[in-house]
Amino acid sequence: MQIKGEALAGQLAKGLKPVYVVHGDEPLLAQEAADALRAEARRQGYSERQVFTVSGAYFDWAPVIAASQAMSLFADKQLIEIRIPTGKPGKDGSEALQRYVDGLPPDVLTLVTLPRLDKTQLSSAWFTALDGAGVSVKVDPVERRELPAWIARRLQLQGQSVAAGADGQQALEFFADRVEGNLLAAHQELQKLALLHPPGELSLQQIEAAVLDVARFDVFKLSEALLGGKVGRVLRMLEGLKAEGEAAVLVHWTMAEDIRGLKRVHDAVAAGKPLPMALRESRIWGPKERLFERIVPQLHGAALTRLVVAAQTCDGIVKGLRHPEWPTDPWEALGRLALMLEQALRPPAQKNRYG
């Protein structure tokens, strides 16, 4: 049975299953899910715990199998944790996990922790066996658009809140901007607010004074902000990526790919192709597909041509060339390109559908 991380508490309240698999690439949420299971296991008498970490291609699975079959020396029930940091148990591990599940006695509870799994891993025989024997818990990262609501829920759990209306939303957005992509840091900042202030309503000033700028930015998230016309967030992300030592060449490639993609799709639609077909042919899908569907009909061909030329100029600058009309600093040039894209995406008062 597969569930989301937020559904785990409700599932545990209904009774423990023999096997729990926690998988995902969000460390805080994975840790919290595992801790919740351990706490419930202790409450129900699973007082002995053994931990096995699968490392290397030649891991010996025999002790794991033996542990599940052996009588506990100190308790009636035991919790066995199997940690697979790579998410790949290998051929021997796959067979061992399937044997392990088939032979589990009723007094053994098993927790398997894994990183984010791809489609192939999720459909593998070993994962299917684990999932069929109990519950698999997927812990997804908290996306930027979801972060303010996530922060508000966490504040509520510690007896705190923000003001209703626009002021409270501004405080949550400020908080989210400073912890984006770093949920562990968000958790720490929330704990800090709980220590600094009593239960009740927090003001923007209190949050500003307490919350450090600990955001971590993903260059591939830049597209969402760019195409969404969120210029302030884009410029902030560029500053963060520069501070984190990201390569300006990679950032430019991401921005230029979006510009070239918009030009290809726009030209195809202008030539008479349906927009869905043009998107498929340009390999635009997922969240970006929805953004393109909104953006492309309002763009002008001349503006896109200027953007393509600007992206080419910016490409030279990030590789060390100079241009008399552009900043010499690569990151300033990237900021200028972002502003040009935002201006092109801004709907004019009057426009032709395809200019």
Protein backbone atom coordinates (compact mmCIF):
# COMPACT_ATOMS: atom_id res chain seq x y z
CA MET A 1 0.00 0.00 0.00
CA GLN A 2 1.47 3.33 -1.05
CA ILE A 3 0.72 6.55 0.84
CA LYS A 4 2.04 10.10 1.05
CA GLY A 5 4.11 11.18 4.01
CA GLU A 6 1.34 13.33 5.46
CA ALA A 7 -0.96 10.28 5.62
CA LEU A 8 1.41 8.22 7.78
CA ALA A 9 0.08 9.40 11.15
CA GLY A 10 -3.44 8.36 10.23
CA GLN A 11 -2.26 4.98 9.01
CA LEU A 12 -0.25 4.30 12.18
CA ALA A 13 -3.32 5.08 14.26
CA LYS A 14 -5.11 2.19 12.55
CA GLY A 15 -2.46 -0.34 13.58
CA LEU A 16 1.05 -1.33 12.57
CA LYS A 17 1.78 -3.22 9.37
CA PRO A 18 4.71 -5.70 9.23
CA VAL A 19 6.81 -3.61 6.80
CA TYR A 20 7.25 0.11 6.22
CA VAL A 21 9.26 1.56 3.35
CA VAL A 22 10.16 5.25 3.51
CA HIS A 23 11.53 6.63 0.25
CA GLY A 24 12.24 10.14 -1.01
CA ASP A 25 14.93 12.80 -1.24
CA GLU A 26 13.67 15.20 1.43
CA PRO A 27 15.83 14.41 4.50
CA LEU A 28 13.68 16.20 7.08
CA LEU A 29 10.41 14.56 6.05
CA ALA A 30 12.03 11.14 5.66
CA GLN A 31 13.54 11.46 9.14
CA GLU A 32 10.23 12.55 10.64
CA ALA A 33 8.40 9.64 9.00
CA ALA A 34 10.96 7.14 10.32
CA ASP A 35 10.88 8.72 13.79
CA ALA A 36 7.07 8.52 13.88
CA LEU A 37 7.22 4.81 13.10
CA ARG A 38 9.94 4.18 15.70
CA ALA A 39 7.93 6.01 18.36
CA GLU A 40 4.80 4.00 17.61
CA ALA A 41 6.84 0.79 17.57
CA ARG A 42 8.25 1.54 21.04
CA ARG A 43 4.76 2.34 22.30
CA GLN A 44 3.58 -1.06 21.11
CA GLY A 45 6.41 -3.01 22.71
CA TYR A 46 9.03 -3.27 19.94
CA SER A 47 11.81 -2.51 22.38
CA GLU A 48 14.71 -4.21 20.60
CA ARG A 49 16.15 -2.61 17.46
CA GLN A 50 18.70 -3.78 14.92
CA VAL A 51 20.03 -1.64 12.08
CA PHE A 52 21.62 -2.84 8.83
CA THR A 53 23.12 -0.46 6.28
CA VAL A 54 23.47 -1.92 2.80
CA SER A 55 26.75 -0.66 1.38
CA GLY A 56 28.78 -1.94 -1.53
CA ALA A 57 28.06 -4.49 -4.22
CA TYR A 58 28.95 -7.46 -2.00
CA PHE A 59 26.80 -6.81 1.04
CA ASP A 60 26.15 -9.99 3.04
CA TRP A 61 22.38 -10.36 3.43
CA ALA A 62 22.60 -13.49 5.56
CA PRO A 63 22.70 -11.61 8.92
CA VAL A 64 19.60 -9.64 7.90
CA ILE A 65 17.65 -12.80 7.14
CA ALA A 66 18.95 -14.44 10.32
CA ALA A 67 17.98 -11.45 12.48
CA SER A 68 14.39 -11.62 11.30
CA GLN A 69 14.16 -15.32 12.17
CA ALA A 70 16.04 -15.32 15.47
CA MET A 71 14.26 -15.19 18.81
CA SER A 72 14.86 -11.92 20.64
CA LEU A 73 17.08 -12.22 23.70
CA PHE A 74 15.73 -9.15 25.45
CA ALA A 75 12.23 -8.46 24.19
CA ASP A 76 9.17 -10.11 22.75
CA LYS A 77 9.19 -7.85 19.71
CA GLN A 78 11.94 -6.30 17.62
CA LEU A 79 12.30 -3.56 15.02
CA ILE A 80 14.69 -4.24 12.16
CA GLU A 81 15.85 -1.29 10.06
CA ILE A 82 17.34 -1.85 6.62
CA ARG A 83 18.94 1.25 5.15
CA ILE A 84 19.76 1.24 1.43
CA PRO A 85 21.34 4.67 0.69
CA THR A 86 21.80 3.97 -3.03
CA GLY A 87 18.28 2.65 -3.58
CA LYS A 88 19.81 -0.29 -5.42
CA PRO A 89 20.03 -3.55 -3.45
CA GLY A 90 21.43 -5.42 -6.46
CA LYS A 91 20.46 -8.85 -7.73
CA ASP A 92 21.38 -10.66 -4.51
CA GLY A 93 19.65 -7.99 -2.46
CA SER A 94 16.52 -8.18 -4.55
CA GLU A 95 16.27 -11.92 -3.99
CA ALA A 96 17.11 -11.54 -0.29
CA LEU A 97 14.44 -8.90 0.29
CA GLN A 98 11.83 -11.09 -1.34
CA ARG A 99 12.85 -14.06 0.86
CA TYR A 100 12.92 -11.76 3.88
CA VAL A 101 9.33 -10.64 3.31
CA ASP A 102 8.10 -14.18 2.70
CA GLY A 103 9.50 -15.41 6.01
CA LEU A 104 8.66 -12.59 8.40
CA PRO A 105 7.40 -13.74 11.83
CA PRO A 106 4.61 -11.75 13.53
CA ASP A 107 6.88 -10.29 16.25
CA VAL A 108 9.18 -8.46 13.80
CA LEU A 109 8.51 -4.98 12.44
CA THR A 110 10.67 -3.81 9.53
CA LEU A 111 11.58 -0.30 8.39
CA VAL A 112 13.34 0.08 5.04
CA THR A 113 14.70 3.53 4.17
CA LEU A 114 15.56 4.50 0.61
CA PRO A 115 16.30 7.64 -1.44
CA ARG A 116 14.01 8.83 -4.21
CA LEU A 117 13.18 5.94 -6.53
CA ASP A 118 12.65 6.04 -10.27
CA LYS A 119 9.90 4.28 -12.20
CA THR A 120 12.02 1.18 -12.78
CA GLN A 121 12.84 0.80 -9.10
CA LEU A 122 9.22 1.34 -8.07
CA SER A 123 8.12 -1.49 -10.36
CA SER A 124 10.95 -3.86 -9.38
CA ALA A 125 10.25 -7.24 -7.80
CA TRP A 126 11.93 -6.35 -4.50
CA PHE A 127 10.02 -3.06 -4.06
CA THR A 128 6.74 -4.70 -5.07
CA ALA A 129 7.34 -7.40 -2.44
CA LEU A 130 8.05 -4.84 0.28
CA ASP A 131 5.06 -2.70 -0.66
CA GLY A 132 2.78 -5.73 -0.80
CA ALA A 133 3.80 -6.76 2.71
CA GLY A 134 3.04 -3.42 4.31
CA VAL A 135 3.12 0.30 3.58
CA SER A 136 5.41 2.39 1.40
CA VAL A 137 5.63 6.06 2.35
CA LYS A 138 6.69 8.56 -0.31
CA VAL A 139 8.16 11.79 1.01
CA ASP A 140 8.14 14.48 -1.66
CA PRO A 141 9.99 17.80 -1.43
CA VAL A 142 7.89 20.82 -0.52
CA GLU A 143 7.71 22.98 -3.65
CA ARG A 144 8.08 26.75 -3.38
CA ARG A 145 4.39 27.39 -4.05
CA GLU A 146 3.50 25.02 -1.18
CA LEU A 147 6.07 26.34 1.27
CA PRO A 148 4.08 29.22 2.87
CA ALA A 149 1.20 26.87 3.73
CA TRP A 150 3.68 24.28 5.05
CA ILE A 151 5.29 26.92 7.29
CA ALA A 152 1.86 28.03 8.53
CA ARG A 153 0.95 24.45 9.49
CA ARG A 154 4.24 23.99 11.33
CA LEU A 155 3.75 27.25 13.20
CA GLN A 156 0.28 26.09 14.21
CA LEU A 157 1.72 22.85 15.62
CA GLN A 158 3.92 24.88 17.97
CA GLY A 159 1.08 27.21 18.97
CA GLN A 160 2.08 30.13 16.77
CA SER A 161 0.54 31.84 13.77
CA VAL A 162 0.73 34.89 11.54
CA ALA A 163 -1.85 37.62 11.09
CA ALA A 164 -4.83 36.94 8.87
CA GLY A 165 -4.95 38.50 5.43
CA ALA A 166 -2.25 40.18 3.37
CA ASP A 167 0.07 40.94 6.30
CA GLY A 168 0.23 37.32 7.35
CA GLN A 169 0.74 36.12 3.77
CA GLN A 170 3.59 38.61 3.38
CA ALA A 171 5.25 37.21 6.50
CA LEU A 172 4.92 33.64 5.21
CA GLU A 173 6.30 34.61 1.80
CA PHE A 174 9.26 36.33 3.45
CA PHE A 175 9.94 33.20 5.51
CA ALA A 176 9.60 30.96 2.44
CA ASP A 177 11.99 33.08 0.38
CA ARG A 178 14.70 32.65 2.98
CA VAL A 179 14.44 28.89 3.43
CA GLU A 180 13.48 27.78 -0.09
CA GLY A 181 15.01 24.44 -1.01
CA ASN A 182 16.34 23.84 2.51
CA LEU A 183 13.62 22.25 4.61
CA LEU A 184 16.01 21.28 7.38
CA ALA A 185 16.91 24.94 7.78
CA ALA A 186 13.21 25.85 7.71
CA HIS A 187 12.63 23.41 10.56
CA GLN A 188 15.48 24.97 12.55
CA GLU A 189 14.16 28.49 12.00
CA LEU A 190 10.71 27.39 13.15
CA GLN A 191 12.23 25.93 16.31
CA LYS A 192 14.07 29.21 16.84
CA LEU A 193 10.79 31.14 16.63
CA ALA A 194 9.29 28.79 19.22
CA LEU A 195 12.18 29.55 21.59
CA LEU A 196 12.22 33.30 20.98
CA HIS A 197 8.48 33.98 21.19
CA PRO A 198 5.58 32.62 23.25
CA PRO A 199 2.56 30.97 21.62
CA GLY A 200 0.40 33.40 19.72
CA GLU A 201 0.54 35.60 16.67
CA LEU A 202 3.91 36.54 15.14
CA SER A 203 4.47 39.79 13.28
CA LEU A 204 6.47 40.23 10.10
CA GLN A 205 9.04 42.19 12.10
CA GLN A 206 9.53 39.30 14.54
CA ILE A 207 9.97 36.83 11.68
CA GLU A 208 12.35 39.14 9.82
CA ALA A 209 14.49 39.54 12.93
CA ALA A 210 14.69 35.81 13.59
CA VAL A 211 14.84 34.05 10.24
CA LEU A 212 18.20 33.82 8.53
CA ASP A 213 18.66 33.67 4.77
CA VAL A 214 19.36 29.95 4.34
CA ALA A 215 17.71 29.30 0.98
CA ARG A 216 19.24 26.82 -1.42
CA PHE A 217 18.37 27.22 -5.06
CA ASP A 218 18.10 24.63 -7.79
CA VAL A 219 19.14 25.88 -11.22
CA PHE A 220 16.46 23.72 -12.81
CA LYS A 221 13.77 25.44 -10.71
CA LEU A 222 14.79 28.68 -12.37
CA SER A 223 12.57 27.91 -15.38
CA GLU A 224 9.40 27.90 -13.30
CA ALA A 225 10.17 31.33 -11.89
CA LEU A 226 11.29 32.72 -15.26
CA LEU A 227 8.27 31.52 -17.19
CA GLY A 228 5.98 32.54 -14.35
CA GLY A 229 7.15 36.14 -14.73
CA LYS A 230 8.33 36.28 -11.11
CA VAL A 231 11.22 38.62 -11.76
CA GLY A 232 11.92 39.34 -8.09
CA ARG A 233 12.26 35.67 -7.31
CA VAL A 234 14.41 35.10 -10.41
CA LEU A 235 16.87 37.82 -9.40
CA ARG A 236 16.97 36.44 -5.88
CA MET A 237 17.61 32.93 -7.22
CA LEU A 238 20.44 34.24 -9.39
CA GLU A 239 22.04 35.84 -6.34
CA GLY A 240 21.65 32.60 -4.41
CA LEU A 241 23.07 30.44 -7.19
CA LYS A 242 26.05 32.75 -7.52
CA ALA A 243 26.67 32.64 -3.75
CA GLU A 244 26.46 28.83 -3.78
CA GLY A 245 29.14 28.63 -6.49
CA GLU A 246 26.89 27.43 -9.30
CA ALA A 247 28.42 27.70 -12.79
CA ALA A 248 27.09 30.69 -14.71
CA VAL A 249 27.34 28.62 -17.91
CA LEU A 250 24.81 26.10 -16.57
CA VAL A 251 22.44 28.85 -15.45
CA HIS A 252 22.66 30.49 -18.87
CA TRP A 253 22.00 27.18 -20.60
CA THR A 254 18.80 26.78 -18.56
CA MET A 255 17.59 30.27 -19.44
CA ALA A 256 18.57 29.97 -23.10
CA GLU A 257 16.79 26.62 -23.44
CA ASP A 258 13.56 28.25 -22.27
CA ILE A 259 13.97 31.10 -24.75
CA ARG A 260 14.75 28.75 -27.64
CA GLY A 261 11.83 26.53 -26.65
CA LEU A 262 9.43 29.49 -26.67
CA LYS A 263 10.70 30.53 -30.11
CA ARG A 264 10.32 27.02 -31.57
CA VAL A 265 6.81 26.54 -30.24
CA HIS A 266 5.71 30.06 -31.23
CA ASP A 267 7.03 29.63 -34.77
CA ALA A 268 5.33 26.24 -35.12
CA VAL A 269 1.98 27.66 -33.98
CA ALA A 270 2.38 30.68 -36.26
CA ALA A 271 2.92 28.23 -39.13
CA GLY A 272 -0.44 26.60 -38.41
CA LYS A 273 0.32 23.74 -36.02
CA PRO A 274 -1.98 23.20 -33.03
CA LEU A 275 -0.34 24.27 -29.79
CA PRO A 276 -0.48 20.78 -28.17
CA MET A 277 1.30 19.29 -31.20
CA ALA A 278 3.94 22.04 -31.20
CA LEU A 279 4.60 21.42 -27.50
CA ARG A 280 4.96 17.66 -28.00
CA GLU A 281 7.33 18.10 -30.93
CA SER A 282 9.49 20.46 -28.86
CA ARG A 283 9.46 17.99 -25.95
CA ILE A 284 7.75 20.43 -23.58
CA TRP A 285 5.77 18.68 -20.85
CA GLY A 286 4.95 18.69 -17.16
CA PRO A 287 4.69 22.02 -15.30
CA LYS A 288 6.55 23.77 -18.12
CA GLU A 289 3.89 22.64 -20.60
CA ARG A 290 1.19 24.45 -18.63
CA LEU A 291 3.30 27.60 -18.50
CA PHE A 292 3.95 27.47 -22.25
CA GLU A 293 0.23 27.04 -22.93
CA ARG A 294 -0.42 30.30 -21.12
CA ILE A 295 2.56 32.23 -22.45
CA VAL A 296 2.90 31.34 -26.14
CA PRO A 297 -0.41 32.83 -27.41
CA GLN A 298 0.52 36.27 -26.07
CA LEU A 299 4.09 36.41 -27.43
CA HIS A 300 5.34 38.35 -30.45
CA GLY A 301 7.79 36.82 -32.89
CA ALA A 302 9.91 39.96 -33.06
CA ALA A 303 10.36 40.02 -29.28
CA LEU A 304 11.36 36.35 -29.27
CA THR A 305 13.91 36.97 -32.01
CA ARG A 306 15.46 39.76 -29.92
CA LEU A 307 15.54 37.41 -26.94
CA VAL A 308 17.35 34.71 -28.93
CA VAL A 309 19.97 37.27 -30.02
CA ALA A 310 20.30 38.48 -26.41
CA ALA A 311 20.77 34.89 -25.22
CA GLN A 312 23.56 34.45 -27.76
CA THR A 313 25.24 37.64 -26.55
CA CYS A 314 24.90 36.53 -22.94
CA ASP A 315 26.40 33.16 -23.87
CA GLY A 316 29.57 34.90 -25.00
CA ILE A 317 29.77 36.96 -21.81
CA VAL A 318 29.51 33.97 -19.47
CA LYS A 319 32.31 32.38 -21.50
CA GLY A 320 34.60 35.40 -21.12
CA LEU A 321 33.82 37.55 -24.15
CA ARG A 322 32.82 41.21 -23.97
CA HIS A 323 30.06 43.21 -25.57
CA PRO A 324 30.00 47.04 -25.55
CA GLU A 325 26.32 47.22 -24.61
CA TRP A 326 26.29 44.49 -21.96
CA PRO A 327 27.71 44.13 -18.42
CA THR A 328 31.06 42.36 -18.25
CA ASP A 329 30.08 40.39 -15.13
CA PRO A 330 28.38 37.10 -16.15
CA TRP A 331 25.82 37.22 -13.33
CA GLU A 332 24.84 40.80 -14.12
CA ALA A 333 24.39 39.74 -17.74
CA LEU A 334 22.17 36.84 -16.64
CA GLY A 335 20.10 39.28 -14.60
CA ARG A 336 19.69 41.52 -17.62
CA LEU A 337 18.60 38.57 -19.77
CA ALA A 338 16.06 37.61 -17.11
CA LEU A 339 14.63 41.13 -17.10
CA MET A 340 14.36 41.10 -20.90
CA LEU A 341 12.49 37.80 -20.78
CA GLU A 342 10.14 39.09 -18.09
CA GLN A 343 9.41 42.18 -20.19
CA ALA A 344 8.64 40.02 -23.24
CA LEU A 345 6.26 37.87 -21.19
CA ARG A 346 4.41 40.86 -19.79
CA PRO A 347 1.07 41.18 -21.66
CA PRO A 348 0.90 44.46 -23.61
CA ALA A 349 -2.27 46.54 -23.61
CA GLN A 350 -2.96 45.68 -27.24
CA LYS A 351 -1.28 42.98 -29.28
CA ASN A 352 -1.72 40.58 -32.14
CA ARG A 353 -1.95 36.95 -31.14
CA TYR A 354 1.20 36.07 -33.08
CA GLY A 355 3.38 38.99 -34.09
